[in-house]
Protein backbone atom coordinates (compact mmCIF):
# COMPACT_ATOMS: atom_id res chain seq x y z
CA MET A 1 -62.28 23.54 -22.79
CA PHE A 2 -60.87 22.43 -26.14
CA LYS A 3 -57.94 20.07 -25.94
CA GLY A 4 -55.07 20.73 -28.30
CA GLU A 5 -52.11 22.92 -29.05
CA TYR A 6 -51.67 26.57 -28.17
CA VAL A 7 -49.66 28.88 -30.45
CA LEU A 8 -47.30 31.42 -28.90
CA TYR A 9 -46.43 34.20 -31.35
CA GLY A 10 -43.50 36.42 -30.43
CA MET A 11 -39.73 36.87 -30.44
CA GLU A 12 -36.85 35.12 -28.73
CA ARG A 13 -35.44 38.34 -27.30
CA SER A 14 -38.79 39.66 -26.11
CA LEU A 15 -39.15 39.86 -22.31
CA PHE A 16 -42.90 39.37 -22.42
CA THR A 17 -42.71 36.49 -24.88
CA ARG A 18 -40.25 34.68 -22.63
CA LYS A 19 -42.35 35.48 -19.57
CA LEU A 20 -45.39 33.78 -21.06
CA GLU A 21 -43.30 30.93 -22.42
CA ALA A 22 -41.84 30.26 -18.96
CA GLN A 23 -45.38 29.89 -17.59
CA LEU A 24 -46.48 27.66 -20.47
CA ARG A 25 -43.48 25.42 -19.81
CA TYR A 26 -44.09 25.28 -16.07
CA GLN A 27 -47.78 24.48 -16.38
CA ARG A 28 -47.04 21.84 -19.04
CA VAL A 29 -49.30 23.55 -21.57
CA PRO A 30 -48.84 22.07 -25.07
CA TYR A 31 -47.71 24.91 -27.30
CA ARG A 32 -45.92 25.74 -30.52
CA PHE A 33 -43.73 28.83 -30.89
CA GLU A 34 -44.17 30.96 -34.01
CA LEU A 35 -41.57 33.63 -34.63
CA GLN A 36 -42.68 37.17 -35.48
CA THR A 37 -41.55 38.05 -39.02
CA LEU A 38 -42.32 40.66 -41.65
CA GLU A 39 -44.11 37.93 -43.55
CA ASN A 40 -46.57 36.89 -40.84
CA GLN A 41 -46.96 40.00 -38.67
CA GLN A 42 -49.82 41.48 -40.70
CA HIS A 43 -51.84 38.27 -40.18
CA TRP A 44 -51.26 38.24 -36.43
CA GLN A 45 -51.81 41.96 -35.99
CA ALA A 46 -55.12 41.75 -37.83
CA ARG A 47 -56.26 38.86 -35.66
CA ALA A 48 -55.12 40.37 -32.37
CA GLY A 49 -55.98 43.98 -33.17
CA THR A 50 -52.57 45.11 -31.92
CA HIS A 51 -48.91 45.11 -32.89
CA ILE A 52 -47.91 44.12 -29.36
CA ILE A 53 -46.37 40.72 -28.68
CA PRO A 54 -46.75 38.08 -27.43
CA VAL A 55 -50.03 36.80 -28.80
CA LEU A 56 -51.51 33.48 -27.70
CA GLN A 57 -53.90 31.44 -29.82
CA THR A 58 -55.89 28.85 -27.87
CA PRO A 59 -57.15 25.50 -29.19
CA GLU A 60 -60.60 27.13 -29.47
CA ASN A 61 -59.01 29.65 -31.87
CA TRP A 62 -59.32 32.48 -29.35
CA ILE A 63 -56.70 35.20 -29.72
CA MET A 64 -55.28 36.85 -26.62
CA TRP A 65 -52.53 39.41 -26.04
CA ASP A 66 -50.80 40.95 -23.01
CA SER A 67 -48.79 38.53 -20.91
CA THR A 68 -50.31 39.43 -17.52
CA PRO A 69 -54.00 38.75 -18.27
CA ILE A 70 -52.97 35.73 -20.35
CA GLY A 71 -51.04 34.47 -17.32
CA ASP A 72 -54.12 34.93 -15.13
CA PHE A 73 -56.22 33.07 -17.71
CA LEU A 74 -53.77 30.15 -17.82
CA ASN A 75 -53.63 30.08 -14.03
CA SER A 76 -57.39 29.48 -13.96
CA ARG A 77 -57.44 27.04 -16.86
CA PHE A 78 -54.53 24.91 -15.59
CA HIS A 79 -55.23 25.36 -11.91
CA GLU A 80 -53.71 22.04 -10.95
CA ALA A 81 -50.40 23.84 -11.56
CA ALA A 82 -51.51 27.22 -10.16
CA VAL A 83 -49.03 30.10 -10.29
CA ILE A 84 -51.00 32.64 -8.23
CA PRO A 85 -51.47 31.74 -4.55
CA GLU A 86 -54.97 31.64 -3.12
CA THR A 87 -53.97 32.67 0.40
CA PRO A 88 -54.45 36.43 0.79
CA VAL A 89 -50.99 37.65 1.80
CA GLN A 90 -49.02 35.64 -0.73
CA ARG A 91 -51.57 36.40 -3.44
CA ALA A 92 -51.25 40.14 -2.76
CA ALA A 93 -47.44 39.93 -2.73
CA CYS A 94 -47.44 37.99 -6.01
CA LEU A 95 -49.68 40.52 -7.77
CA ILE A 96 -47.75 43.55 -6.49
CA LEU A 97 -44.32 42.11 -7.27
CA GLU A 98 -45.45 41.01 -10.73
CA ASP A 99 -46.84 44.46 -11.51
CA TRP A 100 -43.67 46.27 -10.41
CA ILE A 101 -41.14 43.90 -11.95
CA ASP A 102 -43.17 43.54 -15.15
CA GLU A 103 -43.00 47.27 -15.82
CA TRP A 104 -39.77 48.46 -14.18
CA GLN A 105 -37.49 45.61 -15.27
CA GLY A 106 -38.41 46.42 -18.86
CA ARG A 107 -36.85 49.87 -18.40
CA THR A 108 -33.50 48.35 -17.45
CA ALA A 109 -33.76 45.86 -20.29
CA ILE A 110 -34.26 48.65 -22.82
CA ASN A 111 -31.32 50.63 -21.43
CA SER A 112 -28.85 47.73 -21.33
CA ARG A 113 -29.81 46.64 -24.83
CA TRP A 114 -29.89 49.89 -26.80
CA CYS A 115 -27.76 52.41 -24.90
CA TYR A 116 -24.52 50.46 -25.40
CA PRO A 117 -23.49 50.65 -29.08
CA ASP A 118 -21.74 47.27 -29.38
CA ASN A 119 -24.60 45.51 -27.62
CA ALA A 120 -27.17 47.34 -29.77
CA ALA A 121 -25.40 46.31 -32.96
CA GLU A 122 -25.30 42.62 -32.03
CA VAL A 123 -28.87 42.39 -30.80
CA GLY A 124 -30.18 44.59 -33.61
CA PHE A 125 -28.74 42.06 -36.05
CA LEU A 126 -30.37 39.11 -34.27
CA MET A 127 -33.76 40.81 -34.16
CA ALA A 128 -33.48 41.74 -37.83
CA LYS A 129 -32.55 38.12 -38.52
CA ALA A 130 -35.88 37.05 -37.09
CA MET A 131 -37.95 39.76 -38.73
CA VAL A 132 -36.37 39.80 -42.20
CA ALA A 133 -35.13 36.23 -42.68
CA GLY A 134 -37.61 34.47 -40.39
CA LYS A 135 -34.72 32.65 -38.71
CA LEU A 136 -34.18 31.68 -35.09
CA GLU A 137 -30.92 32.74 -33.50
CA HIS A 138 -29.21 29.37 -33.97
CA ASP A 139 -30.28 29.07 -37.64
CA ALA A 140 -27.73 29.64 -40.40
CA LEU A 141 -28.10 32.42 -42.99
CA THR A 142 -27.34 32.35 -46.69
CA ASP A 143 -25.04 35.05 -48.07
CA GLU A 144 -28.06 36.85 -49.51
CA GLU A 145 -29.93 36.70 -46.19
CA GLN A 146 -26.83 37.91 -44.35
CA ALA A 147 -26.74 41.04 -46.49
CA GLN A 148 -30.47 41.68 -46.08
CA VAL A 149 -30.31 41.26 -42.31
CA GLN A 150 -27.26 43.48 -41.94
CA ALA A 151 -28.99 46.23 -43.90
CA ALA A 152 -32.04 46.02 -41.60
CA ALA A 153 -30.15 45.88 -38.29
CA THR A 154 -29.54 49.62 -38.06
CA MET A 155 -33.20 50.29 -38.79
CA VAL A 156 -34.22 48.01 -35.91
CA ARG A 157 -31.92 49.89 -33.55
CA ASP A 158 -32.98 53.37 -34.62
CA SER A 159 -36.70 52.95 -35.27
CA PHE A 160 -37.43 50.64 -32.34
CA GLY A 161 -34.61 50.57 -29.79
CA LEU A 162 -33.62 54.21 -29.45
CA LYS A 163 -37.24 55.34 -29.71
CA ALA A 164 -38.13 53.05 -26.80
CA CYS A 165 -35.23 54.45 -24.76
CA LYS A 166 -36.56 57.98 -25.10
CA GLY A 167 -40.04 56.99 -23.95
CA PHE A 168 -38.60 55.21 -20.89
CA GLY A 169 -36.21 58.04 -20.00
CA VAL A 170 -33.09 55.85 -20.29
CA THR A 171 -30.77 57.69 -22.66
CA GLU A 172 -27.00 57.04 -22.59
CA ASP A 173 -26.29 59.87 -20.14
CA ARG A 174 -28.12 57.84 -17.49
CA ASN A 175 -26.17 54.62 -18.03
CA ALA A 176 -24.31 54.84 -14.71
CA PHE A 177 -27.51 55.33 -12.72
CA MET A 178 -29.27 52.53 -14.57
CA ARG A 179 -26.34 50.18 -13.95
CA ALA A 180 -26.41 50.96 -10.22
CA GLU A 181 -30.16 50.33 -10.15
CA PHE A 182 -29.64 47.00 -11.91
CA ASP A 183 -26.87 45.95 -9.49
CA ARG A 184 -29.11 46.72 -6.54
CA PHE A 185 -32.01 44.70 -7.96
CA MET A 186 -29.89 41.68 -8.87
CA GLY A 187 -28.15 41.77 -5.49
CA GLU A 188 -31.43 41.80 -3.60
CA LEU A 189 -32.79 38.92 -5.65
CA ALA A 190 -29.58 36.91 -5.27
CA ALA A 191 -29.74 37.32 -1.48
CA LEU A 192 -33.31 36.03 -1.43
CA PHE A 193 -32.56 33.09 -3.73
CA SER A 194 -29.65 32.04 -1.56
CA GLN A 195 -32.30 31.23 1.06
CA GLN A 196 -35.14 29.84 -1.08
CA ASP A 197 -35.66 28.72 -4.67
CA PHE A 198 -38.33 31.23 -5.73
CA LEU A 199 -39.88 34.52 -4.62
CA LEU A 200 -42.53 32.98 -2.37
CA GLY A 201 -40.85 29.73 -1.37
CA ALA A 202 -40.17 26.43 -3.08
CA ARG A 203 -42.65 26.99 -5.91
CA PRO A 204 -42.66 29.68 -8.62
CA CYS A 205 -45.41 32.28 -8.89
CA MET A 206 -46.24 34.58 -11.81
CA ALA A 207 -43.70 37.15 -10.64
CA ASP A 208 -40.94 34.53 -10.94
CA PHE A 209 -41.69 34.10 -14.64
CA THR A 210 -41.22 37.85 -15.06
CA VAL A 211 -37.82 37.84 -13.33
CA CYS A 212 -36.78 34.77 -15.32
CA ALA A 213 -37.85 36.40 -18.59
CA GLY A 214 -35.70 39.45 -17.96
CA LEU A 215 -32.71 37.14 -17.81
CA LYS A 216 -33.79 34.78 -20.59
CA ALA A 217 -34.56 37.56 -23.08
CA HIS A 218 -32.06 40.24 -22.03
CA PHE A 219 -29.68 40.10 -19.10
CA ALA A 220 -28.28 36.59 -19.57
CA VAL A 221 -28.13 36.67 -23.37
CA ASP A 222 -27.26 40.25 -24.38
CA PRO A 223 -23.46 40.59 -24.12
CA GLU A 224 -23.35 43.82 -22.08
CA PRO A 225 -25.74 42.94 -19.21
CA ARG A 226 -24.48 39.33 -19.20
CA LYS A 227 -21.16 40.72 -17.96
CA TRP A 228 -22.98 42.59 -15.21
CA VAL A 229 -24.84 39.49 -14.01
CA GLU A 230 -21.66 37.41 -13.97
CA GLU A 231 -19.93 40.12 -11.94
CA ILE A 232 -22.68 41.02 -9.47
CA ALA A 233 -24.96 37.99 -9.08
CA PRO A 234 -23.87 34.87 -11.02
CA GLY A 235 -26.31 32.79 -9.00
CA MET A 236 -29.12 34.47 -10.93
CA LEU A 237 -28.14 32.38 -13.95
CA ASP A 238 -28.88 29.25 -11.92
CA TYR A 239 -32.18 30.78 -10.84
CA MET A 240 -33.10 31.45 -14.48
CA GLU A 241 -32.52 27.80 -15.38
CA ARG A 242 -34.40 26.67 -12.29
CA VAL A 243 -37.51 28.61 -13.31
CA TRP A 244 -37.19 27.78 -17.01
CA ASN A 245 -36.96 24.05 -16.34
CA ALA A 246 -39.41 23.89 -13.43
CA GLY A 247 -42.60 21.88 -13.48
CA PRO A 248 -45.26 21.21 -10.86
CA GLU A 249 -43.86 17.72 -10.31
CA LYS A 250 -40.36 19.12 -9.64
CA VAL A 251 -41.06 21.80 -7.03
CA GLY A 252 -42.31 22.12 -3.48
CA ASP A 253 -44.81 24.71 -2.28
CA TRP A 254 -45.05 28.30 -1.25
CA LEU A 255 -44.05 29.11 2.32
CA PRO A 256 -46.41 27.63 4.93
CA ASP A 257 -48.99 29.68 6.85
CA ASP A 258 -49.21 32.36 4.13
CA ALA A 259 -45.79 33.64 5.20
CA LEU A 260 -43.36 35.86 3.31
CA SER A 261 -39.58 35.91 3.54
CA PRO A 262 -38.24 38.95 5.46
CA LEU A 263 -35.81 39.39 2.57
CA LEU A 264 -38.69 40.60 0.38
CA GLN A 265 -38.56 43.87 2.33
CA SER A 266 -35.53 45.03 0.34
CA LEU A 267 -37.48 44.49 -2.89
CA PHE A 268 -40.45 46.45 -1.58
CA ASP A 269 -38.06 49.26 -0.56
CA ASN A 270 -36.60 49.21 -4.05
CA MET A 271 -40.07 49.48 -5.53
CA GLN A 272 -40.81 52.57 -3.43
CA SER A 273 -37.63 54.38 -4.48
CA GLY A 274 -38.13 54.23 -8.25
CA PHE A 275 -41.28 52.68 -9.59
CA ALA A 276 -43.74 54.17 -7.08
CA PRO A 277 -42.99 57.87 -7.79
CA PHE A 278 -43.01 57.11 -11.51
CA ALA A 279 -46.35 55.29 -11.31
CA ARG A 280 -47.99 58.04 -9.23
CA ALA A 281 -46.90 60.71 -11.70
CA ASN A 282 -48.06 58.49 -14.57
CA THR A 283 -51.48 58.12 -12.91
CA ALA A 284 -51.85 61.90 -12.72
CA ALA A 285 -50.68 62.38 -16.32
CA VAL A 286 -53.06 59.76 -17.71
CA ALA A 287 -55.97 61.28 -15.77
CA ALA A 288 -55.11 64.71 -17.18
CA GLY A 289 -54.75 63.41 -20.72
CA GLU A 290 -51.10 64.43 -20.90
CA LYS A 291 -48.64 62.68 -23.24
CA PHE A 292 -45.51 63.33 -21.17
CA PHE A 293 -44.77 64.03 -17.52
CA MET A 294 -41.84 64.74 -15.22
CA ALA A 295 -40.80 62.43 -12.39
CA ASP A 296 -37.77 61.84 -10.16
CA VAL A 297 -36.98 58.13 -9.88
CA GLY A 298 -33.70 58.65 -8.05
CA ASP A 299 -31.58 60.51 -10.61
CA GLY A 300 -33.24 63.90 -10.78
CA GLU A 301 -36.37 64.94 -12.62
CA GLN A 302 -36.69 63.65 -16.17
CA SER A 303 -39.31 63.31 -18.85
CA PHE A 304 -41.33 60.15 -19.38
CA ARG A 305 -44.02 59.26 -21.87
CA ALA A 306 -47.40 58.76 -20.17
CA ARG A 307 -48.43 55.12 -20.38
CA PRO A 308 -52.14 54.33 -19.93
CA TYR A 309 -51.43 50.60 -19.72
CA ILE A 310 -49.36 51.02 -16.55
CA GLU A 311 -52.29 52.82 -14.96
CA GLN A 312 -54.67 50.06 -16.08
CA SER A 313 -52.35 47.48 -14.55
CA ARG A 314 -52.15 49.43 -11.28
CA GLN A 315 -55.93 49.64 -11.14
CA HIS A 316 -56.21 45.91 -11.82
CA VAL A 317 -54.05 45.09 -8.79
CA ALA A 318 -55.98 47.59 -6.66
CA GLN A 319 -59.25 45.98 -7.75
CA GLU A 320 -57.95 42.51 -6.91
CA LEU A 321 -57.00 43.71 -3.43
CA ARG A 322 -60.44 45.27 -2.91
CA ARG A 323 -62.03 41.92 -3.77
CA CYS A 324 -60.59 40.45 -0.57
CA SER A 325 -62.99 39.74 2.27
CA ALA A 326 -62.68 42.04 5.28
CA GLU A 327 -60.89 39.27 7.17
CA ASP A 328 -58.42 38.60 4.36
CA LEU A 329 -57.81 42.30 3.76
CA ALA A 330 -56.95 42.71 7.43
CA LYS A 331 -54.35 39.93 7.04
CA VAL A 332 -52.89 41.60 3.96
CA GLU A 333 -52.68 44.97 5.68
CA ALA A 334 -51.12 43.45 8.79
CA ALA A 335 -48.45 41.72 6.70
CA LEU A 336 -47.73 44.39 4.07
CA ALA A 337 -48.73 47.83 5.41
CA ALA A 338 -45.34 48.39 7.04
CA THR A 339 -43.52 47.50 3.80
CA GLY A 340 -45.10 50.39 1.92
CA ALA A 341 -46.12 48.01 -0.86
CA LEU A 342 -49.84 48.72 -0.51
CA GLU A 343 -49.68 52.52 -0.78
CA LEU A 344 -49.54 52.59 -4.56
CA TYR A 345 -52.68 50.47 -4.82
CA SER A 346 -54.82 52.15 -2.17
């Protein structure tokens, strides 16, 4: 393994950039952040073979993209600060929660950002500031840069934000349902974190970095959802800082005896009510080669864009569960079968 600095390429208001950054910080990985701009994106896209962020460059000059497999890679490379449990039940819970939250939280993030005009205008400006002027959020702009960024802000909203909303099925007419779904999720998490510091105990796992990133990139910084968090679950802001500033020397351990908090049941129930029917319909659509499909995630049937990556991610978790020994799989089934969490990955 080459010693040296990693390079994290992404955006400040990107959920998946912040997710990976939270893990890099926790595992004490030396890294440098490089902001995605119009000037450098062609270079990074050519190297990574994708336009998707974040991208991680290792000291060996390897290029990797997709926060979940990168997280698994870093877990193995910096195993002294492991973020995926080795015990079967907690490992299974970590992988399942990470898969669900990674995909479904992004839907709420897209809605709260782009389906509220005032919020969309402010965040569109900040994202254009990064892309056009190459400036971080706290950096000052010249008068010329200000004009250039303002001209690009509407383009960011229309060409990226509203297009993403359509693909996720989160247009403005569903704002009330999406807000109720968000309140439920934050409330369930807040109840759990009133009893323990992280999802699996006194130590963060990969799924914690995903929850933290939703707050760090969206819900705690975008003006509209920030109001929701402060109203419904202000303790989640403390949780965000706890994860963001955690380190292996500062935390305890996962719950003893491969145990899970009973409060996780509400999260597994939540997963079954929205994400699971969506993911099953997506699986069928991808298998059939369809570009769109209909699914009811709690607010009546609506159209979604088929997403092959979500199916790949589901299969990855299923494969990881199948790798368990017969003895370990029996423990996982005994602990999780009644929660319904295993059904999607059977």
